[in-house]
Each structure stands twice: as structure tokens, then as C-alpha cells.
Amino acid sequence: MHTKAIIFLLFSTFLWANCGNNPDDLQKQVFAIHDEVMPKMDEIYSLRKDLLETKTNGTATQKVL
């Protein structure tokens, strides 16, 4: 599953679970999650790249392990 799809599903689930809340509070909560996840995107892309290389090469590197 693509990273954007995962993020969309997380936000959708969060919004669905909190549908009774004030929209302003909900927006603040969504941005708090966004601000927490976004700094980790470089690491996620790097790990994804390493995993794809592992799949192609057939061997796991120490970095992946």
C-alpha cells in the first residue's frame, strides 16, 4: 500500500472515530497528527527504498534488519 493511502486511511479513521467533536478541535487534532508524522517521512521513504532493494537483490542488508 502506498504511503499516501496509509496516511489517508489513518486520517479517515481518526475523523470517523471523532465525528461528534467540534470541527475546530478536530482540525487541531488532525494537524497535530500531521505534524508528528511528517518529520518521519524521510525515514519511511528511506526504509521503503531499502526494502525494495532487498526484494530486488534477494538479500537483506544490516540496515534493513
C-alpha atoms as a PDB file:
ATOM      1  CA  MET A   1       0.000   0.000   0.000  1.00  0.00           C
ATOM      2  CA  HIS A   2       1.332   3.437  -0.826  1.00  0.00           C
ATOM      3  CA  THR A   3       2.333   5.862   1.897  1.00  0.00           C
ATOM      4  CA  LYS A   4      -0.282   8.428   0.853  1.00  0.00           C
ATOM      5  CA  ALA A   5      -3.009   5.786   1.051  1.00  0.00           C
ATOM      6  CA  ILE A   6      -1.877   4.771   4.535  1.00  0.00           C
ATOM      7  CA  ILE A   7      -1.888   8.373   5.732  1.00  0.00           C
ATOM      8  CA  PHE A   8      -5.326   8.912   4.181  1.00  0.00           C
ATOM      9  CA  LEU A   9      -6.675   5.824   5.945  1.00  0.00           C
ATOM     10  CA  LEU A  10      -5.227   6.950   9.283  1.00  0.00           C
ATOM     11  CA  PHE A  11      -6.758  10.406   8.990  1.00  0.00           C
ATOM     12  CA  SER A  12     -10.085   8.990   7.771  1.00  0.00           C
ATOM     13  CA  THR A  13     -10.252   6.569  10.682  1.00  0.00           C
ATOM     14  CA  PHE A  14      -9.369   9.329  13.107  1.00  0.00           C
ATOM     15  CA  LEU A  15     -12.057  11.630  11.686  1.00  0.00           C
ATOM     16  CA  TRP A  16     -14.674   8.873  11.701  1.00  0.00           C
ATOM     17  CA  ALA A  17     -13.917   7.997  15.322  1.00  0.00           C
ATOM     18  CA  ASN A  18     -14.227  11.636  16.386  1.00  0.00           C
ATOM     19  CA  CYS A  19     -17.144  12.742  14.201  1.00  0.00           C
ATOM     20  CA  GLY A  20     -19.058  14.222  17.154  1.00  0.00           C
ATOM     21  CA  ASN A  21     -16.333  16.726  18.046  1.00  0.00           C
ATOM     22  CA  ASN A  22     -16.192  20.422  17.278  1.00  0.00           C
ATOM     23  CA  PRO A  23     -14.734  20.956  13.747  1.00  0.00           C
ATOM     24  CA  ASP A  24     -12.118  23.389  15.072  1.00  0.00           C
ATOM     25  CA  ASP A  25     -10.957  20.864  17.672  1.00  0.00           C
ATOM     26  CA  LEU A  26     -10.934  18.155  15.036  1.00  0.00           C
ATOM     27  CA  GLN A  27      -8.797  20.288  12.735  1.00  0.00           C
ATOM     28  CA  LYS A  28      -6.315  20.915  15.551  1.00  0.00           C
ATOM     29  CA  GLN A  29      -6.137  17.175  16.256  1.00  0.00           C
ATOM     30  CA  VAL A  30      -5.578  16.340  12.584  1.00  0.00           C
ATOM     31  CA  PHE A  31      -2.790  18.896  12.277  1.00  0.00           C
ATOM     32  CA  ALA A  32      -1.190  17.590  15.468  1.00  0.00           C
ATOM     33  CA  ILE A  33      -1.034  14.106  13.926  1.00  0.00           C
ATOM     34  CA  HIS A  34       0.201  15.564  10.643  1.00  0.00           C
ATOM     35  CA  ASP A  35       2.953  17.483  12.425  1.00  0.00           C
ATOM     36  CA  GLU A  36       4.001  14.335  14.281  1.00  0.00           C
ATOM     37  CA  VAL A  37       4.095  12.096  11.196  1.00  0.00           C
ATOM     38  CA  MET A  38       5.647  14.401   8.602  1.00  0.00           C
ATOM     39  CA  PRO A  39       9.146  14.566  10.147  1.00  0.00           C
ATOM     40  CA  LYS A  40       9.255  10.763   9.863  1.00  0.00           C
ATOM     41  CA  MET A  41       8.531  10.711   6.120  1.00  0.00           C
ATOM     42  CA  ASP A  42      12.208  10.798   5.098  1.00  0.00           C
ATOM     43  CA  GLU A  43      12.887   7.766   7.266  1.00  0.00           C
ATOM     44  CA  ILE A  44       9.835   5.973   5.869  1.00  0.00           C
ATOM     45  CA  TYR A  45      10.927   6.621   2.266  1.00  0.00           C
ATOM     46  CA  SER A  46      14.487   5.530   3.054  1.00  0.00           C
ATOM     47  CA  LEU A  47      13.309   2.284   4.665  1.00  0.00           C
ATOM     48  CA  ARG A  48      10.927   1.655   1.771  1.00  0.00           C
ATOM     49  CA  LYS A  49      13.793   2.120  -0.698  1.00  0.00           C
ATOM     50  CA  ASP A  50      15.962  -0.297   1.291  1.00  0.00           C
ATOM     51  CA  LEU A  51      13.181  -2.882   1.367  1.00  0.00           C
ATOM     52  CA  LEU A  52      12.603  -2.594  -2.373  1.00  0.00           C
ATOM     53  CA  GLU A  53      16.347  -3.052  -2.980  1.00  0.00           C
ATOM     54  CA  THR A  54      16.290  -6.085  -0.685  1.00  0.00           C
ATOM     55  CA  LYS A  55      13.401  -7.529  -2.652  1.00  0.00           C
ATOM     56  CA  THR A  56      15.281  -6.947  -5.912  1.00  0.00           C
ATOM     57  CA  ASN A  57      18.639  -8.262  -4.690  1.00  0.00           C
ATOM     58  CA  GLY A  58      17.234 -11.125  -2.661  1.00  0.00           C
ATOM     59  CA  THR A  59      19.399 -10.339   0.378  1.00  0.00           C
ATOM     60  CA  ALA A  60      18.682  -8.203   3.400  1.00  0.00           C
ATOM     61  CA  THR A  61      21.198  -5.576   4.428  1.00  0.00           C
ATOM     62  CA  GLN A  62      22.085  -4.901   8.066  1.00  0.00           C
ATOM     63  CA  LYS A  63      20.283  -1.552   7.720  1.00  0.00           C
ATOM     64  CA  VAL A  64      17.010  -3.320   6.889  1.00  0.00           C
ATOM     65  CA  LEU A  65      17.464  -5.901   9.610  1.00  0.00           C
END
